[in-house]
PDB file of N, CA and C in Angstrom:
ATOM      1  N   MET A   1      27.322 -50.789  23.237  1.00  0.00           N
ATOM      2  CA  MET A   1      26.407 -51.853  23.600  1.00  0.00           C
ATOM      3  C   MET A   1      27.202 -53.053  24.098  1.00  0.00           C
ATOM      4  N   GLN A   2      26.787 -53.617  25.210  1.00  0.00           N
ATOM      5  CA  GLN A   2      27.479 -54.734  25.819  1.00  0.00           C
ATOM      6  C   GLN A   2      27.134 -56.035  25.112  1.00  0.00           C
ATOM      7  N   ASN A   3      28.128 -56.893  24.943  1.00  0.00           N
ATOM      8  CA  ASN A   3      27.940 -58.183  24.300  1.00  0.00           C
ATOM      9  C   ASN A   3      27.411 -59.174  25.337  1.00  0.00           C
ATOM     10  N   ASN A   4      26.219 -59.734  25.126  1.00  0.00           N
ATOM     11  CA  ASN A   4      25.596 -60.647  26.079  1.00  0.00           C
ATOM     12  C   ASN A   4      25.862 -62.110  25.764  1.00  0.00           C
ATOM     13  N   LYS A   5      26.804 -62.407  24.896  1.00  0.00           N
ATOM     14  CA  LYS A   5      27.081 -63.785  24.523  1.00  0.00           C
ATOM     15  C   LYS A   5      27.971 -64.452  25.563  1.00  0.00           C
ATOM     16  N   ASN A   6      27.701 -65.728  25.830  1.00  0.00           N
ATOM     17  CA  ASN A   6      28.531 -66.538  26.712  1.00  0.00           C
ATOM     18  C   ASN A   6      29.153 -67.637  25.877  1.00  0.00           C
ATOM     19  N   LEU A   7      30.465 -67.725  25.886  1.00  0.00           N
ATOM     20  CA  LEU A   7      31.146 -68.776  25.162  1.00  0.00           C
ATOM     21  C   LEU A   7      30.962 -70.105  25.875  1.00  0.00           C
ATOM     22  N   PHE A   8      30.940 -71.173  25.099  1.00  0.00           N
ATOM     23  CA  PHE A   8      30.790 -72.520  25.641  1.00  0.00           C
ATOM     24  C   PHE A   8      31.774 -72.759  26.775  1.00  0.00           C
ATOM     25  N   SER A   9      33.030 -72.395  26.550  1.00  0.00           N
ATOM     26  CA  SER A   9      34.069 -72.665  27.547  1.00  0.00           C
ATOM     27  C   SER A   9      33.873 -71.880  28.837  1.00  0.00           C
ATOM     28  N   THR A  10      33.138 -70.778  28.795  1.00  0.00           N
ATOM     29  CA  THR A  10      32.907 -70.015  30.021  1.00  0.00           C
ATOM     30  C   THR A  10      31.716 -70.550  30.805  1.00  0.00           C
ATOM     31  N   VAL A  11      30.855 -71.333  30.175  1.00  0.00           N
ATOM     32  CA  VAL A  11      29.678 -71.879  30.847  1.00  0.00           C
ATOM     33  C   VAL A  11      29.972 -73.255  31.448  1.00  0.00           C
ATOM     34  N   VAL A  12      30.722 -74.084  30.740  1.00  0.00           N
ATOM     35  CA  VAL A  12      31.047 -75.424  31.227  1.00  0.00           C
ATOM     36  C   VAL A  12      31.867 -75.298  32.511  1.00  0.00           C
ATOM     37  N   GLY A  13      31.446 -76.058  33.520  1.00  0.00           N
ATOM     38  CA  GLY A  13      32.129 -76.033  34.813  1.00  0.00           C
ATOM     39  C   GLY A  13      31.487 -75.122  35.837  1.00  0.00           C
ATOM     40  N   LYS A  14      30.571 -74.252  35.401  1.00  0.00           N
ATOM     41  CA  LYS A  14      29.902 -73.356  36.358  1.00  0.00           C
ATOM     42  C   LYS A  14      28.914 -74.127  37.220  1.00  0.00           C
ATOM     43  N   MET A  15      28.778 -73.679  38.453  1.00  0.00           N
ATOM     44  CA  MET A  15      27.804 -74.275  39.361  1.00  0.00           C
ATOM     45  C   MET A  15      26.409 -73.856  38.942  1.00  0.00           C
ATOM     46  N   ILE A  16      25.468 -74.800  39.031  1.00  0.00           N
ATOM     47  CA  ILE A  16      24.061 -74.534  38.726  1.00  0.00           C
ATOM     48  C   ILE A  16      23.319 -74.423  40.047  1.00  0.00           C
ATOM     49  N   VAL A  17      22.620 -73.302  40.230  1.00  0.00           N
ATOM     50  CA  VAL A  17      21.845 -73.081  41.450  1.00  0.00           C
ATOM     51  C   VAL A  17      20.446 -72.606  41.080  1.00  0.00           C
ATOM     52  N   THR A  18      19.498 -72.856  41.990  1.00  0.00           N
ATOM     53  CA  THR A  18      18.155 -72.322  41.779  1.00  0.00           C
ATOM     54  C   THR A  18      18.154 -70.865  42.223  1.00  0.00           C
ATOM     55  N   LYS A  19      17.117 -70.130  41.850  1.00  0.00           N
ATOM     56  CA  LYS A  19      17.051 -68.729  42.273  1.00  0.00           C
ATOM     57  C   LYS A  19      16.899 -68.607  43.779  1.00  0.00           C
ATOM     58  N   GLU A  20      16.512 -69.711  44.446  1.00  0.00           N
ATOM     59  CA  GLU A  20      16.426 -69.738  45.906  1.00  0.00           C
ATOM     60  C   GLU A  20      17.774 -70.079  46.533  1.00  0.00           C
ATOM     61  N   GLY A  21      18.772 -70.401  45.710  1.00  0.00           N
ATOM     62  CA  GLY A  21      20.120 -70.682  46.204  1.00  0.00           C
ATOM     63  C   GLY A  21      20.439 -72.146  46.439  1.00  0.00           C
ATOM     64  N   LYS A  22      19.577 -73.053  46.010  1.00  0.00           N
ATOM     65  CA  LYS A  22      19.840 -74.486  46.177  1.00  0.00           C
ATOM     66  C   LYS A  22      20.785 -74.959  45.083  1.00  0.00           C
ATOM     67  N   ARG A  23      21.829 -75.644  45.478  1.00  0.00           N
ATOM     68  CA  ARG A  23      22.827 -76.135  44.518  1.00  0.00           C
ATOM     69  C   ARG A  23      22.335 -77.399  43.839  1.00  0.00           C
ATOM     70  N   LEU A  24      22.528 -77.469  42.523  1.00  0.00           N
ATOM     71  CA  LEU A  24      22.080 -78.632  41.758  1.00  0.00           C
ATOM     72  C   LEU A  24      23.234 -79.455  41.201  1.00  0.00           C
ATOM     73  N   GLY A  25      24.353 -78.826  40.918  1.00  0.00           N
ATOM     74  CA  GLY A  25      25.499 -79.504  40.331  1.00  0.00           C
ATOM     75  C   GLY A  25      26.277 -78.530  39.472  1.00  0.00           C
ATOM     76  N   PHE A  26      27.022 -79.066  38.504  1.00  0.00           N
ATOM     77  CA  PHE A  26      27.850 -78.253  37.622  1.00  0.00           C
ATOM     78  C   PHE A  26      27.524 -78.558  36.162  1.00  0.00           C
ATOM     79  N   VAL A  27      27.778 -77.599  35.292  1.00  0.00           N
ATOM     80  CA  VAL A  27      27.543 -77.788  33.859  1.00  0.00           C
ATOM     81  C   VAL A  27      28.647 -78.687  33.300  1.00  0.00           C
ATOM     82  N   LYS A  28      28.230 -79.814  32.738  1.00  0.00           N
ATOM     83  CA  LYS A  28      29.172 -80.733  32.093  1.00  0.00           C
ATOM     84  C   LYS A  28      29.254 -80.460  30.596  1.00  0.00           C
ATOM     85  N   ASP A  29      28.093 -80.199  30.003  1.00  0.00           N
ATOM     86  CA  ASP A  29      28.019 -80.036  28.554  1.00  0.00           C
ATOM     87  C   ASP A  29      26.731 -79.287  28.221  1.00  0.00           C
ATOM     88  N   ILE A  30      26.604 -78.900  26.973  1.00  0.00           N
ATOM     89  CA  ILE A  30      25.412 -78.207  26.481  1.00  0.00           C
ATOM     90  C   ILE A  30      24.937 -78.939  25.233  1.00  0.00           C
ATOM     91  N   THR A  31      23.638 -79.222  25.149  1.00  0.00           N
ATOM     92  CA  THR A  31      23.095 -79.819  23.932  1.00  0.00           C
ATOM     93  C   THR A  31      22.375 -78.733  23.142  1.00  0.00           C
ATOM     94  N   PHE A  32      22.464 -78.839  21.825  1.00  0.00           N
ATOM     95  CA  PHE A  32      21.829 -77.850  20.970  1.00  0.00           C
ATOM     96  C   PHE A  32      21.399 -78.467  19.654  1.00  0.00           C
ATOM     97  N   GLU A  33      20.469 -77.801  19.001  1.00  0.00           N
ATOM     98  CA  GLU A  33      19.985 -78.211  17.680  1.00  0.00           C
ATOM     99  C   GLU A  33      21.037 -77.785  16.662  1.00  0.00           C
ATOM    100  N   THR A  34      21.581 -78.736  15.918  1.00  0.00           N
ATOM    101  CA  THR A  34      22.681 -78.429  15.013  1.00  0.00           C
ATOM    102  C   THR A  34      22.276 -77.535  13.849  1.00  0.00           C
ATOM    103  N   ARG A  35      21.066 -77.649  13.385  1.00  0.00           N
ATOM    104  CA  ARG A  35      20.648 -76.832  12.234  1.00  0.00           C
ATOM    105  C   ARG A  35      20.410 -75.377  12.596  1.00  0.00           C
ATOM    106  N   SER A  36      19.719 -75.156  13.705  1.00  0.00           N
ATOM    107  CA  SER A  36      19.373 -73.779  14.074  1.00  0.00           C
ATOM    108  C   SER A  36      20.348 -73.174  15.076  1.00  0.00           C
ATOM    109  N   GLY A  37      21.098 -74.023  15.793  1.00  0.00           N
ATOM    110  CA  GLY A  37      21.990 -73.532  16.836  1.00  0.00           C
ATOM    111  C   GLY A  37      21.264 -73.266  18.148  1.00  0.00           C
ATOM    112  N   GLU A  38      19.962 -73.601  18.199  1.00  0.00           N
ATOM    113  CA  GLU A  38      19.164 -73.362  19.399  1.00  0.00           C
ATOM    114  C   GLU A  38      19.646 -74.254  20.540  1.00  0.00           C
ATOM    115  N   LEU A  39      19.885 -73.636  21.707  1.00  0.00           N
ATOM    116  CA  LEU A  39      20.298 -74.399  22.879  1.00  0.00           C
ATOM    117  C   LEU A  39      19.102 -75.150  23.435  1.00  0.00           C
ATOM    118  N   ILE A  40      19.329 -76.404  23.817  1.00  0.00           N
ATOM    119  CA  ILE A  40      18.229 -77.245  24.287  1.00  0.00           C
ATOM    120  C   ILE A  40      18.357 -77.565  25.774  1.00  0.00           C
ATOM    121  N   ASN A  41      19.491 -78.098  26.199  1.00  0.00           N
ATOM    122  CA  ASN A  41      19.670 -78.533  27.585  1.00  0.00           C
ATOM    123  C   ASN A  41      21.086 -78.276  28.073  1.00  0.00           C
ATOM    124  N   LEU A  42      21.200 -78.233  29.405  1.00  0.00           N
ATOM    125  CA  LEU A  42      22.496 -78.311  30.066  1.00  0.00           C
ATOM    126  C   LEU A  42      22.616 -79.711  30.626  1.00  0.00           C
ATOM    127  N   VAL A  43      23.753 -80.344  30.433  1.00  0.00           N
ATOM    128  CA  VAL A  43      24.021 -81.658  31.009  1.00  0.00           C
ATOM    129  C   VAL A  43      24.721 -81.418  32.341  1.00  0.00           C
ATOM    130  N   ILE A  44      24.263 -82.102  33.394  1.00  0.00           N
ATOM    131  CA  ILE A  44      24.762 -81.874  34.746  1.00  0.00           C
ATOM    132  C   ILE A  44      25.790 -82.929  35.133  1.00  0.00           C
ATOM    133  N   LYS A  45      26.840 -82.473  35.830  1.00  0.00           N
ATOM    134  CA  LYS A  45      27.790 -83.401  36.445  1.00  0.00           C
ATOM    135  C   LYS A  45      27.843 -83.096  37.939  1.00  0.00           C
ATOM    136  N   ASP A  46      28.265 -84.059  38.714  1.00  0.00           N
ATOM    137  CA  ASP A  46      28.394 -83.903  40.170  1.00  0.00           C
ATOM    138  C   ASP A  46      27.105 -83.367  40.785  1.00  0.00           C
ATOM    139  N   SER A  47      25.990 -83.988  40.439  1.00  0.00           N
ATOM    140  CA  SER A  47      24.698 -83.519  40.950  1.00  0.00           C
ATOM    141  C   SER A  47      24.613 -83.702  42.460  1.00  0.00           C
ATOM    142  N   THR A  48      23.888 -82.800  43.092  1.00  0.00           N
ATOM    143  CA  THR A  48      23.701 -82.842  44.543  1.00  0.00           C
ATOM    144  C   THR A  48      22.508 -83.735  44.879  1.00  0.00           C
ATOM    145  N   PRO A  49      22.392 -84.164  46.129  1.00  0.00           N
ATOM    146  CA  PRO A  49      21.242 -84.987  46.529  1.00  0.00           C
ATOM    147  C   PRO A  49      19.898 -84.271  46.305  1.00  0.00           C
ATOM    148  N   TYR A  50      19.884 -82.942  46.369  1.00  0.00           N
ATOM    149  CA  TYR A  50      18.637 -82.193  46.199  1.00  0.00           C
ATOM    150  C   TYR A  50      18.007 -82.446  44.828  1.00  0.00           C
ATOM    151  N   ILE A  51      18.818 -82.688  43.846  1.00  0.00           N
ATOM    152  CA  ILE A  51      18.320 -82.830  42.473  1.00  0.00           C
ATOM    153  C   ILE A  51      17.426 -84.059  42.312  1.00  0.00           C
ATOM    154  N   LYS A  52      17.529 -84.996  43.232  1.00  0.00           N
ATOM    155  CA  LYS A  52      16.672 -86.183  43.171  1.00  0.00           C
ATOM    156  C   LYS A  52      15.197 -85.832  43.400  1.00  0.00           C
ATOM    157  N   ASN A  53      14.933 -84.674  44.015  1.00  0.00           N
ATOM    158  CA  ASN A  53      13.560 -84.206  44.251  1.00  0.00           C
ATOM    159  C   ASN A  53      12.914 -83.656  42.982  1.00  0.00           C
ATOM    160  N   LEU A  54      13.723 -83.434  41.961  1.00  0.00           N
ATOM    161  CA  LEU A  54      13.225 -82.839  40.717  1.00  0.00           C
ATOM    162  C   LEU A  54      13.007 -83.933  39.676  1.00  0.00           C
ATOM    163  N   ASN A  55      12.037 -83.739  38.829  1.00  0.00           N
ATOM    164  CA  ASN A  55      11.727 -84.707  37.791  1.00  0.00           C
ATOM    165  C   ASN A  55      12.400 -84.272  36.487  1.00  0.00           C
ATOM    166  N   LEU A  56      13.709 -84.540  36.384  1.00  0.00           N
ATOM    167  CA  LEU A  56      14.474 -84.090  35.226  1.00  0.00           C
ATOM    168  C   LEU A  56      14.611 -85.191  34.184  1.00  0.00           C
ATOM    169  N   GLU A  57      14.712 -84.763  32.933  1.00  0.00           N
ATOM    170  CA  GLU A  57      14.985 -85.698  31.843  1.00  0.00           C
ATOM    171  C   GLU A  57      16.398 -86.246  31.995  1.00  0.00           C
ATOM    172  N   ARG A  58      16.651 -87.381  31.365  1.00  0.00           N
ATOM    173  CA  ARG A  58      17.982 -87.991  31.380  1.00  0.00           C
ATOM    174  C   ARG A  58      18.399 -88.346  29.962  1.00  0.00           C
ATOM    175  N   THR A  59      19.705 -88.384  29.753  1.00  0.00           N
ATOM    176  CA  THR A  59      20.239 -88.810  28.466  1.00  0.00           C
ATOM    177  C   THR A  59      20.257 -90.331  28.419  1.00  0.00           C
ATOM    178  N   SER A  60      20.641 -90.874  27.287  1.00  0.00           N
ATOM    179  CA  SER A  60      20.760 -92.327  27.161  1.00  0.00           C
ATOM    180  C   SER A  60      21.856 -92.877  28.078  1.00  0.00           C
ATOM    181  N   LEU A  61      22.775 -91.999  28.507  1.00  0.00           N
ATOM    182  CA  LEU A  61      23.836 -92.399  29.438  1.00  0.00           C
ATOM    183  C   LEU A  61      23.445 -92.116  30.885  1.00  0.00           C
ATOM    184  N   ASN A  62      22.149 -91.816  31.108  1.00  0.00           N
ATOM    185  CA  ASN A  62      21.591 -91.551  32.427  1.00  0.00           C
ATOM    186  C   ASN A  62      22.095 -90.245  33.056  1.00  0.00           C
ATOM    187  N   GLU A  63      22.534 -89.304  32.224  1.00  0.00           N
ATOM    188  CA  GLU A  63      22.958 -87.998  32.721  1.00  0.00           C
ATOM    189  C   GLU A  63      21.735 -87.091  32.836  1.00  0.00           C
ATOM    190  N   LEU A  64      21.678 -86.296  33.884  1.00  0.00           N
ATOM    191  CA  LEU A  64      20.550 -85.401  34.107  1.00  0.00           C
ATOM    192  C   LEU A  64      20.638 -84.173  33.205  1.00  0.00           C
ATOM    193  N   LEU A  65      19.460 -83.699  32.776  1.00  0.00           N
ATOM    194  CA  LEU A  65      19.386 -82.545  31.874  1.00  0.00           C
ATOM    195  C   LEU A  65      18.544 -81.438  32.486  1.00  0.00           C
ATOM    196  N   ILE A  66      18.992 -80.201  32.301  1.00  0.00           N
ATOM    197  CA  ILE A  66      18.202 -79.034  32.685  1.00  0.00           C
ATOM    198  C   ILE A  66      17.823 -78.329  31.394  1.00  0.00           C
ATOM    199  N   PRO A  67      16.526 -78.112  31.167  1.00  0.00           N
ATOM    200  CA  PRO A  67      16.114 -77.437  29.931  1.00  0.00           C
ATOM    201  C   PRO A  67      16.614 -75.999  29.897  1.00  0.00           C
ATOM    202  N   TYR A  68      17.045 -75.584  28.730  1.00  0.00           N
ATOM    203  CA  TYR A  68      17.572 -74.230  28.578  1.00  0.00           C
ATOM    204  C   TYR A  68      16.527 -73.183  28.960  1.00  0.00           C
ATOM    205  N   SER A  69      15.257 -73.496  28.757  1.00  0.00           N
ATOM    206  CA  SER A  69      14.182 -72.551  29.073  1.00  0.00           C
ATOM    207  C   SER A  69      14.102 -72.233  30.569  1.00  0.00           C
ATOM    208  N   ALA A  70      14.705 -73.064  31.427  1.00  0.00           N
ATOM    209  CA  ALA A  70      14.676 -72.831  32.869  1.00  0.00           C
ATOM    210  C   ALA A  70      15.772 -71.877  33.331  1.00  0.00           C
ATOM    211  N   ILE A  71      16.717 -71.552  32.452  1.00  0.00           N
ATOM    212  CA  ILE A  71      17.830 -70.678  32.826  1.00  0.00           C
ATOM    213  C   ILE A  71      17.350 -69.236  32.942  1.00  0.00           C
ATOM    214  N   ILE A  72      17.659 -68.629  34.080  1.00  0.00           N
ATOM    215  CA  ILE A  72      17.309 -67.231  34.321  1.00  0.00           C
ATOM    216  C   ILE A  72      18.494 -66.327  33.982  1.00  0.00           C
ATOM    217  N   ALA A  73      19.692 -66.723  34.422  1.00  0.00           N
ATOM    218  CA  ALA A  73      20.876 -65.893  34.211  1.00  0.00           C
ATOM    219  C   ALA A  73      22.131 -66.755  34.240  1.00  0.00           C
ATOM    220  N   ILE A  74      23.171 -66.250  33.567  1.00  0.00           N
ATOM    221  CA  ILE A  74      24.475 -66.888  33.601  1.00  0.00           C
ATOM    222  C   ILE A  74      25.478 -65.806  33.982  1.00  0.00           C
ATOM    223  N   GLY A  75      26.149 -66.031  35.095  1.00  0.00           N
ATOM    224  CA  GLY A  75      27.171 -65.113  35.598  1.00  0.00           C
ATOM    225  C   GLY A  75      28.229 -65.955  36.268  1.00  0.00           C
ATOM    226  N   ASP A  76      28.473 -65.686  37.549  1.00  0.00           N
ATOM    227  CA  ASP A  76      29.379 -66.543  38.310  1.00  0.00           C
ATOM    228  C   ASP A  76      28.786 -67.936  38.459  1.00  0.00           C
ATOM    229  N   PHE A  77      27.450 -68.021  38.451  1.00  0.00           N
ATOM    230  CA  PHE A  77      26.697 -69.262  38.531  1.00  0.00           C
ATOM    231  C   PHE A  77      25.704 -69.297  37.374  1.00  0.00           C
ATOM    232  N   VAL A  78      25.182 -70.488  37.089  1.00  0.00           N
ATOM    233  CA  VAL A  78      24.031 -70.602  36.192  1.00  0.00           C
ATOM    234  C   VAL A  78      22.818 -70.674  37.105  1.00  0.00           C
ATOM    235  N   ILE A  79      21.935 -69.693  37.001  1.00  0.00           N
ATOM    236  CA  ILE A  79      20.777 -69.620  37.867  1.00  0.00           C
ATOM    237  C   ILE A  79      19.572 -70.100  37.089  1.00  0.00           C
ATOM    238  N   VAL A  80      18.825 -71.042  37.699  1.00  0.00           N
ATOM    239  CA  VAL A  80      17.656 -71.622  37.037  1.00  0.00           C
ATOM    240  C   VAL A  80      16.423 -71.445  37.912  1.00  0.00           C
ATOM    241  N   SER A  81      15.283 -71.473  37.263  1.00  0.00           N
ATOM    242  CA  SER A  81      14.002 -71.392  37.955  1.00  0.00           C
ATOM    243  C   SER A  81      13.549 -72.806  38.299  1.00  0.00           C
ATOM    244  N   GLU A  82      13.432 -73.096  39.582  1.00  0.00           N
ATOM    245  CA  GLU A  82      13.021 -74.436  40.012  1.00  0.00           C
ATOM    246  C   GLU A  82      11.612 -74.756  39.544  1.00  0.00           C
ATOM    247  N   GLU A  83      10.752 -73.739  39.455  1.00  0.00           N
ATOM    248  CA  GLU A  83       9.377 -73.956  38.999  1.00  0.00           C
ATOM    249  C   GLU A  83       9.341 -74.511  37.578  1.00  0.00           C
ATOM    250  N   ASP A  84      10.322 -74.125  36.761  1.00  0.00           N
ATOM    251  CA  ASP A  84      10.370 -74.592  35.377  1.00  0.00           C
ATOM    252  C   ASP A  84      10.982 -75.996  35.265  1.00  0.00           C
ATOM    253  N   LEU A  85      11.464 -76.534  36.376  1.00  0.00           N
ATOM    254  CA  LEU A  85      12.060 -77.872  36.368  1.00  0.00           C
ATOM    255  C   LEU A  85      11.086 -78.943  36.830  1.00  0.00           C
ATOM    256  N   ILE A  86      10.035 -78.538  37.518  1.00  0.00           N
ATOM    257  CA  ILE A  86       9.102 -79.509  38.109  1.00  0.00           C
ATOM    258  C   ILE A  86       8.015 -79.872  37.121  1.00  0.00           C
TER     259      ILE A  86
END
């Protein structure tokens, strides 16, 4: 059986793209619930101009967040569903 776990260090720095191929930026950090370990958001760095069209949450430091529920797949890129971001 193949291990489907992604280590934190392998996800940080990956490019985030929509399933349509639009680039959003790169993974800067991951937020999670400390008690349950549930992943909550990806923090974006080097966001592209396209991301301004999306209504994303922001941190107190004004960093953009992508909800973990929008992630479709993690491979060479982090692929997200744009419909789940709007």
